[in-house]
Amino acid sequence: MTTPQHIIRLQASNVKRLKAVEVHPEPEGLVIVGGRNAQGKSSLLDAIEMGIRGPRAAPSEPIARGETKLEILLETEDYTIQRTASASGWKLKALAKNGSDIPSPQALFDRMASDLTFDPLAFVRAKPRDQVDMVRELAGIDLDEMDRRRDEAYSHRTRVNQDVKRLTGVISSIELPAQMPVSVDTAEMEARLRQAQATNGQIASLEMGLTALKAKREALKAQISTLEAELAGVMESGKKLQHDHAQLSPVDERPLLDALTNIASDAKVLARAEQKRTAEGELLAAQQNSETLTEQIKVIDREKREALASANLPEGLEVTKDGLRLNGQPLEQASLAEKIGVSVALGVINDPAWRIMLVREGSSLDSEHMRLLHDLAIQRHAQFFVEVASDDGEGATVIIEDGMVKS
């Protein structure tokens, strides 16, 4: 782990409004940079940031007006950083404590810094959604995959619960009698009916034949003298028909028709019962599926809690899908002091080697917030450069006047 670094000496010349300054700040606590507006206070903080980050932190015109070259020297516990800029570009020379050159110094200095090092109150100003993203990035937390799986399980459970509601309605709408009918094979009953109808048709046909023969017999009696032979044959036929008729008995069709009607009614009841059993089976499966998805959501939520718990977040700070919460309340409802505390804690969450923070809104902080910043700097072994506008420079560690340190 790299030793924490603080600025123990700063020299800057021709940086924006600065002419030539040299400052030897205390390594821990607040360094109040005071003075009237447009004197070079912001330029001093900019010189620190440009010294560490280089041209990507520089404005379009970093060199003081009328000058051709700027120079910045930062000395820390372990490094000496010399950075210059002119029309030919930027140059960086970095030496270790023993005087040896540092290979790839810019990459080293970038790794040593936190995103909030150069503007810790950027977190306070950010929108809630952006604050969540900043916390995740600073803490190295990637919840996107967990959120995706949770959303997927939640959506699936919503659809399953819709099925549960639909199936519950289907089941409640099916009314069944207390005494359920027995399922009957209608084919057999219909066959018996057809047999009865055939028998009754045969009887009717035979009855019609007898009636016709009787009529014919009466006619033959009138001609008996000439038709005795024919009458004898007819009588024989009549005897046979009477014999066949005697062998058959009429069948009442009404019970069979009633039975078929009852079977059809029972079939409807049985069909509703089968529909209910099917719906009950689907309901049970849907309820079990919903419970499984609920358990999946609980597991994902537990994974998120564990990931956040291991992220070394500031005490009381929680990351939720809807935003950040501090001590159970939305962070946006927290006081400015609480937000500053969170912001500073996040700035050193990953123990960055640069224990330097540049606070540019010092004029908006009252004495209570200043004391809070001081206490936080001491607790975190950090060095906060705080820019404060004032006419007399009261309470300032360094007063900048006309681009120079006021003695």
Protein backbone atom coordinates (compact mmCIF):
# COMPACT_ATOMS: atom_id res chain seq x y z
CA MET A 1 0.00 0.00 0.00
CA THR A 2 1.37 3.44 -0.94
CA THR A 3 2.13 5.76 1.99
CA PRO A 4 -0.47 8.55 2.35
CA GLN A 5 0.76 11.70 0.67
CA HIS A 6 0.22 15.31 1.71
CA ILE A 7 1.58 18.53 0.23
CA ILE A 8 4.35 19.84 2.42
CA ARG A 9 5.56 22.46 -0.08
CA LEU A 10 3.85 24.15 -3.01
CA GLN A 11 5.47 26.54 -5.47
CA ALA A 12 3.56 27.96 -8.43
CA SER A 13 4.22 30.76 -10.86
CA ASN A 14 2.18 32.19 -13.73
CA VAL A 15 -0.71 29.79 -13.13
CA LYS A 16 -3.86 31.66 -14.17
CA ARG A 17 -4.00 34.63 -11.73
CA LEU A 18 -1.00 33.54 -9.67
CA LYS A 19 2.27 35.40 -10.11
CA ALA A 20 4.56 33.54 -7.74
CA VAL A 21 3.59 31.75 -4.53
CA GLU A 22 5.22 29.37 -2.08
CA VAL A 23 3.24 27.65 0.65
CA HIS A 24 4.30 25.17 3.37
CA PRO A 25 0.96 23.80 4.67
CA GLU A 26 0.42 21.50 7.63
CA PRO A 27 0.04 17.89 6.41
CA GLU A 28 -3.27 17.30 8.24
CA GLY A 29 -6.31 19.49 8.86
CA LEU A 30 -7.62 22.50 6.99
CA VAL A 31 -5.61 24.84 4.83
CA ILE A 32 -7.89 27.87 4.49
CA VAL A 33 -7.03 29.82 1.34
CA GLY A 34 -8.58 33.25 1.85
CA GLY A 35 -8.68 36.63 0.20
CA ARG A 36 -10.88 38.83 -1.91
CA ASN A 37 -12.39 37.66 -5.20
CA ALA A 38 -10.26 37.61 -8.37
CA GLN A 39 -6.99 37.59 -6.41
CA GLY A 40 -5.87 34.04 -7.20
CA LYS A 41 -7.44 31.76 -4.55
CA SER A 42 -8.99 29.42 -7.11
CA SER A 43 -5.74 29.52 -9.10
CA LEU A 44 -3.88 28.12 -6.08
CA LEU A 45 -6.23 25.12 -5.86
CA ASP A 46 -6.04 24.75 -9.64
CA ALA A 47 -2.25 24.68 -9.43
CA ILE A 48 -2.45 21.74 -7.02
CA GLU A 49 -4.83 19.84 -9.30
CA MET A 50 -2.82 20.59 -12.45
CA GLY A 51 0.35 19.59 -10.64
CA ILE A 52 -1.08 16.15 -9.90
CA ARG A 53 -3.32 15.52 -12.90
CA GLY A 54 -1.55 17.50 -15.60
CA PRO A 55 -3.09 19.03 -18.74
CA ARG A 56 -6.42 17.20 -18.44
CA ALA A 57 -7.14 19.34 -15.37
CA ALA A 58 -6.06 22.57 -17.06
CA PRO A 59 -8.41 25.21 -18.50
CA SER A 60 -8.02 26.39 -22.07
CA GLU A 61 -5.62 29.17 -20.96
CA PRO A 62 -3.74 27.98 -17.86
CA ILE A 63 -0.77 30.35 -18.29
CA ALA A 64 -1.13 33.80 -16.73
CA ARG A 65 -1.94 36.51 -19.23
CA GLY A 66 1.21 38.14 -20.62
CA GLU A 67 3.42 35.19 -19.59
CA THR A 68 4.81 32.36 -21.73
CA LYS A 69 5.41 29.61 -19.21
CA LEU A 70 3.91 28.29 -15.98
CA GLU A 71 5.73 26.25 -13.36
CA ILE A 72 4.36 24.10 -10.57
CA LEU A 73 6.31 22.24 -7.89
CA LEU A 74 4.63 19.94 -5.40
CA GLU A 75 6.61 18.26 -2.65
CA THR A 76 5.06 15.46 -0.62
CA GLU A 77 6.39 12.96 1.90
CA ASP A 78 7.73 10.69 -0.86
CA TYR A 79 7.67 12.63 -4.16
CA THR A 80 8.74 15.84 -5.80
CA ILE A 81 6.59 16.76 -8.79
CA GLN A 82 7.77 19.41 -11.25
CA ARG A 83 5.38 20.37 -14.01
CA THR A 84 5.72 23.10 -16.63
CA ALA A 85 3.60 24.28 -19.53
CA SER A 86 4.40 26.56 -22.44
CA ALA A 87 3.51 26.96 -26.09
CA SER A 88 5.46 23.77 -26.80
CA GLY A 89 3.26 21.74 -24.43
CA TRP A 90 3.34 20.24 -20.95
CA LYS A 91 6.34 18.58 -19.28
CA LEU A 92 6.47 16.44 -16.16
CA LYS A 93 9.42 15.42 -14.02
CA ALA A 94 8.81 13.36 -10.91
CA LEU A 95 11.44 12.27 -8.41
CA ALA A 96 11.25 9.79 -5.58
CA LYS A 97 12.44 10.68 -2.10
CA ASN A 98 15.89 9.25 -2.88
CA GLY A 99 16.18 11.48 -5.97
CA SER A 100 15.59 8.77 -8.58
CA ASP A 101 13.26 9.29 -11.51
CA ILE A 102 9.79 7.75 -11.28
CA PRO A 103 8.83 5.73 -14.37
CA SER A 104 5.36 6.49 -15.79
CA PRO A 105 4.64 9.00 -13.03
CA GLN A 106 1.24 10.16 -14.35
CA ALA A 107 -0.17 6.64 -14.26
CA LEU A 108 1.09 6.30 -10.68
CA PHE A 109 -0.44 9.60 -9.57
CA ASP A 110 -3.78 8.74 -11.23
CA ARG A 111 -3.95 5.44 -9.33
CA MET A 112 -3.26 7.27 -6.09
CA ALA A 113 -6.25 9.62 -6.41
CA SER A 114 -9.94 9.25 -5.72
CA ASP A 115 -12.54 10.75 -8.04
CA LEU A 116 -13.58 13.03 -5.18
CA THR A 117 -10.03 14.17 -4.35
CA PHE A 118 -10.27 17.30 -6.48
CA ASP A 119 -13.92 18.13 -5.81
CA PRO A 120 -15.30 16.27 -2.76
CA LEU A 121 -18.50 18.32 -2.68
CA ALA A 122 -19.32 17.20 -6.22
CA PHE A 123 -21.05 14.31 -4.49
CA VAL A 124 -23.19 16.71 -2.45
CA ARG A 125 -24.25 18.59 -5.59
CA ALA A 126 -24.97 15.48 -7.66
CA LYS A 127 -28.49 14.23 -8.34
CA PRO A 128 -29.63 11.16 -6.33
CA ARG A 129 -29.30 8.78 -9.30
CA ASP A 130 -25.79 10.09 -10.03
CA GLN A 131 -24.86 9.75 -6.37
CA VAL A 132 -25.73 6.05 -6.52
CA ASP A 133 -23.48 5.60 -9.55
CA MET A 134 -20.64 7.49 -7.85
CA VAL A 135 -20.88 5.32 -4.72
CA ARG A 136 -20.92 2.12 -6.76
CA GLU A 137 -17.88 3.21 -8.75
CA LEU A 138 -15.92 4.41 -5.71
CA ALA A 139 -16.72 1.28 -3.72
CA GLY A 140 -16.12 -1.02 -6.66
CA ILE A 141 -19.68 -2.37 -6.50
CA ASP A 142 -21.30 -3.70 -9.65
CA LEU A 143 -24.99 -4.29 -8.93
CA ASP A 144 -26.17 -4.10 -12.55
CA GLU A 145 -26.21 -7.88 -13.01
CA MET A 146 -27.96 -8.38 -9.66
CA ASP A 147 -30.53 -5.69 -10.54
CA ARG A 148 -31.08 -7.32 -13.95
CA ARG A 149 -31.66 -10.76 -12.40
CA ARG A 150 -33.93 -9.27 -9.73
CA ASP A 151 -35.99 -7.33 -12.27
CA GLU A 152 -36.29 -10.47 -14.40
CA ALA A 153 -37.45 -12.59 -11.44
CA TYR A 154 -39.81 -9.81 -10.26
CA SER A 155 -41.41 -9.51 -13.72
CA HIS A 156 -41.74 -13.28 -13.98
CA ARG A 157 -43.36 -13.46 -10.54
CA THR A 158 -45.79 -10.68 -11.53
CA ARG A 159 -46.93 -12.73 -14.53
CA VAL A 160 -47.22 -15.88 -12.41
CA ASN A 161 -49.26 -14.03 -9.78
CA GLN A 162 -51.61 -12.87 -12.54
CA ASP A 163 -52.14 -16.56 -13.40
CA VAL A 164 -52.76 -17.29 -9.71
CA LYS A 165 -55.42 -14.57 -9.59
CA ARG A 166 -57.04 -15.77 -12.85
CA LEU A 167 -57.10 -19.44 -11.78
CA THR A 168 -58.49 -18.54 -8.36
CA GLY A 169 -61.34 -16.73 -10.10
CA VAL A 170 -61.99 -19.70 -12.41
CA ILE A 171 -62.15 -22.10 -9.45
CA SER A 172 -64.46 -19.87 -7.39
CA SER A 173 -66.84 -19.48 -10.36
CA ILE A 174 -67.38 -23.27 -10.74
CA GLU A 175 -70.32 -24.43 -8.54
CA LEU A 176 -70.77 -28.19 -7.99
CA PRO A 177 -73.60 -30.11 -6.22
CA ALA A 178 -72.95 -31.64 -2.82
CA GLN A 179 -73.70 -35.11 -4.24
CA MET A 180 -71.64 -35.66 -7.36
CA PRO A 181 -73.21 -37.90 -10.07
CA VAL A 182 -71.51 -41.06 -11.30
CA SER A 183 -70.11 -41.05 -14.79
CA VAL A 184 -72.24 -43.30 -17.11
CA ASP A 185 -71.39 -44.78 -20.50
CA THR A 186 -74.00 -43.17 -22.81
CA ALA A 187 -73.10 -45.47 -25.72
CA GLU A 188 -74.59 -48.50 -23.96
CA MET A 189 -77.76 -46.61 -23.06
CA GLU A 190 -78.14 -45.33 -26.62
CA ALA A 191 -77.72 -48.90 -27.96
CA ARG A 192 -80.49 -50.12 -25.66
CA LEU A 193 -82.70 -47.27 -26.81
CA ARG A 194 -82.09 -48.18 -30.45
CA GLN A 195 -82.96 -51.82 -29.67
CA ALA A 196 -86.18 -50.75 -27.93
CA GLN A 197 -87.10 -48.52 -30.85
CA ALA A 198 -86.49 -51.41 -33.28
CA THR A 199 -88.64 -53.77 -31.21
CA ASN A 200 -91.49 -51.28 -30.95
CA GLY A 201 -91.25 -50.65 -34.69
CA GLN A 202 -91.51 -54.35 -35.31
CA ILE A 203 -94.54 -54.59 -33.04
CA ALA A 204 -96.22 -51.70 -34.79
CA SER A 205 -95.54 -53.34 -38.15
CA LEU A 206 -97.01 -56.63 -36.99
CA GLU A 207 -100.08 -54.91 -35.61
CA MET A 208 -100.60 -53.19 -38.93
CA GLY A 209 -100.32 -56.59 -40.69
CA LEU A 210 -102.92 -58.16 -38.41
CA THR A 211 -105.29 -55.31 -39.03
CA ALA A 212 -104.89 -55.73 -42.76
CA LEU A 213 -105.43 -59.49 -42.56
CA LYS A 214 -108.55 -59.07 -40.50
CA ALA A 215 -109.95 -56.75 -43.10
CA LYS A 216 -109.06 -59.15 -45.82
CA ARG A 217 -110.57 -62.07 -43.88
CA GLU A 218 -113.87 -60.26 -43.66
CA ALA A 219 -113.80 -59.65 -47.37
CA LEU A 220 -113.02 -63.30 -48.04
CA LYS A 221 -115.88 -64.45 -45.85
CA ALA A 222 -118.20 -62.67 -48.27
CA GLN A 223 -116.63 -64.74 -51.01
CA ILE A 224 -116.14 -67.87 -48.93
CA SER A 225 -117.59 -70.17 -51.50
CA THR A 226 -114.97 -69.23 -54.00
CA LEU A 227 -112.09 -68.36 -51.69
CA GLU A 228 -112.05 -71.17 -49.09
CA ALA A 229 -108.66 -72.36 -50.23
CA GLU A 230 -107.25 -68.84 -50.02
CA LEU A 231 -108.92 -68.35 -46.65
CA ALA A 232 -107.25 -71.45 -45.30
CA GLY A 233 -103.85 -70.05 -46.30
CA VAL A 234 -104.66 -66.71 -44.83
CA MET A 235 -105.79 -68.33 -41.60
CA GLU A 236 -102.53 -70.20 -41.43
CA SER A 237 -100.64 -66.97 -41.96
CA GLY A 238 -102.77 -65.30 -39.36
CA LYS A 239 -101.96 -68.00 -36.86
CA LYS A 240 -98.24 -67.45 -37.44
CA LEU A 241 -98.54 -63.69 -37.07
CA GLN A 242 -100.51 -64.10 -33.87
CA HIS A 243 -97.85 -66.43 -32.55
CA ASP A 244 -95.08 -63.91 -33.31
CA HIS A 245 -97.11 -61.10 -31.82
CA ALA A 246 -97.64 -63.08 -28.65
CA GLN A 247 -93.87 -63.51 -28.30
CA LEU A 248 -93.28 -59.75 -28.05
CA SER A 249 -94.24 -57.21 -25.37
CA PRO A 250 -94.36 -53.40 -25.78
CA VAL A 251 -91.32 -51.51 -24.29
CA ASP A 252 -91.80 -48.14 -22.52
CA GLU A 253 -89.32 -45.71 -24.11
CA ARG A 254 -89.82 -42.87 -21.61
CA PRO A 255 -87.45 -44.19 -18.89
CA LEU A 256 -84.70 -44.55 -21.46
CA LEU A 257 -85.25 -41.02 -22.74
CA ASP A 258 -85.26 -39.68 -19.16
CA ALA A 259 -82.06 -41.62 -18.42
CA LEU A 260 -80.33 -40.09 -21.43
CA THR A 261 -81.42 -36.62 -20.32
CA ASN A 262 -80.00 -37.26 -16.82
CA ILE A 263 -76.77 -38.61 -18.28
CA ALA A 264 -76.30 -35.42 -20.35
CA SER A 265 -76.91 -33.27 -17.26
CA ASP A 266 -74.48 -35.34 -15.19
CA ALA A 267 -71.89 -35.11 -17.95
CA LYS A 268 -71.97 -31.31 -17.70
CA VAL A 269 -71.44 -31.48 -13.93
CA LEU A 270 -68.58 -33.92 -14.35
CA ALA A 271 -67.02 -31.67 -17.01
CA ARG A 272 -67.14 -28.73 -14.60
CA ALA A 273 -65.57 -30.88 -11.91
CA GLU A 274 -62.75 -31.85 -14.27
CA GLN A 275 -62.27 -28.17 -15.20
CA LYS A 276 -62.01 -27.32 -11.50
CA ARG A 277 -59.48 -30.11 -10.84
CA THR A 278 -57.36 -28.87 -13.76
CA ALA A 279 -57.51 -25.26 -12.56
CA GLU A 280 -56.61 -26.35 -9.01
CA GLY A 281 -53.56 -28.18 -10.35
CA GLU A 282 -52.49 -25.14 -12.38
CA LEU A 283 -53.09 -22.88 -9.34
CA LEU A 284 -50.88 -25.06 -7.14
CA ALA A 285 -48.11 -25.01 -9.76
CA ALA A 286 -48.42 -21.22 -10.16
CA GLN A 287 -48.32 -20.68 -6.37
CA GLN A 288 -45.22 -22.89 -6.07
CA ASN A 289 -43.61 -21.00 -8.97
CA SER A 290 -44.40 -17.67 -7.28
CA GLU A 291 -42.85 -18.91 -4.03
CA THR A 292 -39.73 -20.05 -5.89
CA LEU A 293 -39.37 -16.65 -7.58
CA THR A 294 -39.89 -14.92 -4.24
CA GLU A 295 -37.03 -16.96 -2.79
CA GLN A 296 -34.87 -16.03 -5.81
CA ILE A 297 -35.59 -12.34 -5.15
CA LYS A 298 -34.68 -12.80 -1.47
CA VAL A 299 -31.39 -14.46 -2.45
CA ILE A 300 -30.55 -11.64 -4.89
CA ASP A 301 -31.43 -9.02 -2.26
CA ARG A 302 -29.20 -10.85 0.23
CA GLU A 303 -26.35 -10.92 -2.32
CA LYS A 304 -26.75 -7.15 -2.80
CA ARG A 305 -26.74 -6.55 0.96
CA GLU A 306 -23.62 -8.68 1.35
CA ALA A 307 -21.90 -6.90 -1.55
CA LEU A 308 -22.72 -3.52 -0.05
CA ALA A 309 -21.74 -4.64 3.44
CA SER A 310 -18.30 -5.64 2.17
CA ALA A 311 -17.83 -2.37 0.27
CA ASN A 312 -16.66 -0.38 3.31
CA LEU A 313 -19.28 2.34 2.76
CA PRO A 314 -19.53 5.22 5.24
CA GLU A 315 -21.44 4.27 8.37
CA GLY A 316 -25.21 4.45 7.90
CA LEU A 317 -25.05 4.81 4.10
CA GLU A 318 -27.12 2.34 2.07
CA VAL A 319 -27.42 1.87 -1.70
CA THR A 320 -30.96 1.07 -2.82
CA LYS A 321 -32.52 0.82 -6.26
CA ASP A 322 -34.26 4.17 -5.68
CA GLY A 323 -31.20 6.02 -4.42
CA LEU A 324 -28.98 6.46 -1.37
CA ARG A 325 -30.28 6.37 2.19
CA LEU A 326 -28.46 7.65 5.25
CA ASN A 327 -29.52 6.17 8.58
CA GLY A 328 -32.72 4.92 6.95
CA GLN A 329 -33.73 8.25 5.37
CA PRO A 330 -33.21 9.46 1.76
CA LEU A 331 -29.79 11.13 1.54
CA GLU A 332 -31.33 14.16 -0.17
CA GLN A 333 -33.20 14.84 3.10
CA ALA A 334 -29.98 14.82 5.12
CA SER A 335 -28.44 18.03 6.41
CA LEU A 336 -25.56 19.68 4.59
CA ALA A 337 -23.25 18.62 7.41
CA GLU A 338 -24.29 14.99 6.99
CA LYS A 339 -23.81 15.20 3.23
CA ILE A 340 -20.35 16.70 3.64
CA GLY A 341 -19.43 13.91 6.04
CA VAL A 342 -20.56 11.28 3.54
CA SER A 343 -18.78 13.01 0.67
CA VAL A 344 -15.48 13.22 2.50
CA ALA A 345 -15.77 9.62 3.72
CA LEU A 346 -16.37 8.49 0.15
CA GLY A 347 -13.34 10.46 -0.99
CA VAL A 348 -11.12 8.20 1.11
CA ILE A 349 -13.21 5.02 0.88
CA ASN A 350 -10.55 3.11 -1.01
CA ASP A 351 -7.73 4.57 1.08
CA PRO A 352 -6.28 6.70 -1.76
CA ALA A 353 -2.66 7.66 -1.36
CA TRP A 354 -3.42 11.31 -2.10
CA ARG A 355 -4.90 12.48 1.21
CA ILE A 356 -5.56 15.86 -0.39
CA MET A 357 -8.97 17.35 -1.07
CA LEU A 358 -9.80 20.63 -2.75
CA VAL A 359 -12.95 22.30 -1.42
CA ARG A 360 -13.90 25.19 -3.68
CA GLU A 361 -17.20 26.15 -2.03
CA GLY A 362 -15.77 27.10 1.35
CA SER A 363 -17.59 30.44 1.33
CA SER A 364 -20.95 28.61 1.45
CA LEU A 365 -19.98 26.74 4.63
CA ASP A 366 -20.69 28.22 8.05
CA SER A 367 -18.46 27.85 11.10
CA GLU A 368 -20.15 24.61 12.14
CA HIS A 369 -19.46 23.04 8.77
CA MET A 370 -15.89 24.30 8.86
CA ARG A 371 -15.40 22.61 12.22
CA LEU A 372 -16.90 19.45 10.74
CA LEU A 373 -14.48 19.58 7.82
CA HIS A 374 -11.57 20.09 10.21
CA ASP A 375 -12.61 17.13 12.38
CA LEU A 376 -13.05 14.92 9.31
CA ALA A 377 -9.64 15.91 7.98
CA ILE A 378 -8.00 14.99 11.30
CA GLN A 379 -9.93 11.71 11.54
CA ARG A 380 -8.97 10.75 7.99
CA HIS A 381 -5.38 12.02 8.27
CA ALA A 382 -6.21 14.24 5.30
CA GLN A 383 -5.33 17.72 4.11
CA PHE A 384 -8.23 19.88 2.91
CA PHE A 385 -7.49 23.04 0.93
CA VAL A 386 -10.60 25.20 1.41
CA GLU A 387 -11.17 28.31 -0.69
CA VAL A 388 -12.95 31.11 1.20
CA ALA A 389 -13.72 34.60 -0.07
CA SER A 390 -13.13 37.33 2.52
CA ASP A 391 -12.07 40.95 2.56
CA ASP A 392 -9.79 40.75 5.58
CA GLY A 393 -8.69 37.12 5.33
CA GLU A 394 -9.71 36.46 8.94
CA GLY A 395 -9.18 32.81 9.89
CA ALA A 396 -7.27 32.05 6.69
CA THR A 397 -4.13 29.92 6.69
CA VAL A 398 -2.95 31.47 3.45
CA ILE A 399 -4.12 34.83 2.10
CA ILE A 400 -3.78 35.42 -1.64
CA GLU A 401 -3.59 39.01 -2.79
CA ASP A 402 -2.82 40.08 -6.36
CA GLY A 403 -1.54 36.64 -7.26
CA MET A 404 0.88 36.34 -4.35
CA VAL A 405 0.88 35.17 -0.74
CA LYS A 406 0.19 38.11 1.53
CA SER A 407 2.77 38.28 4.23
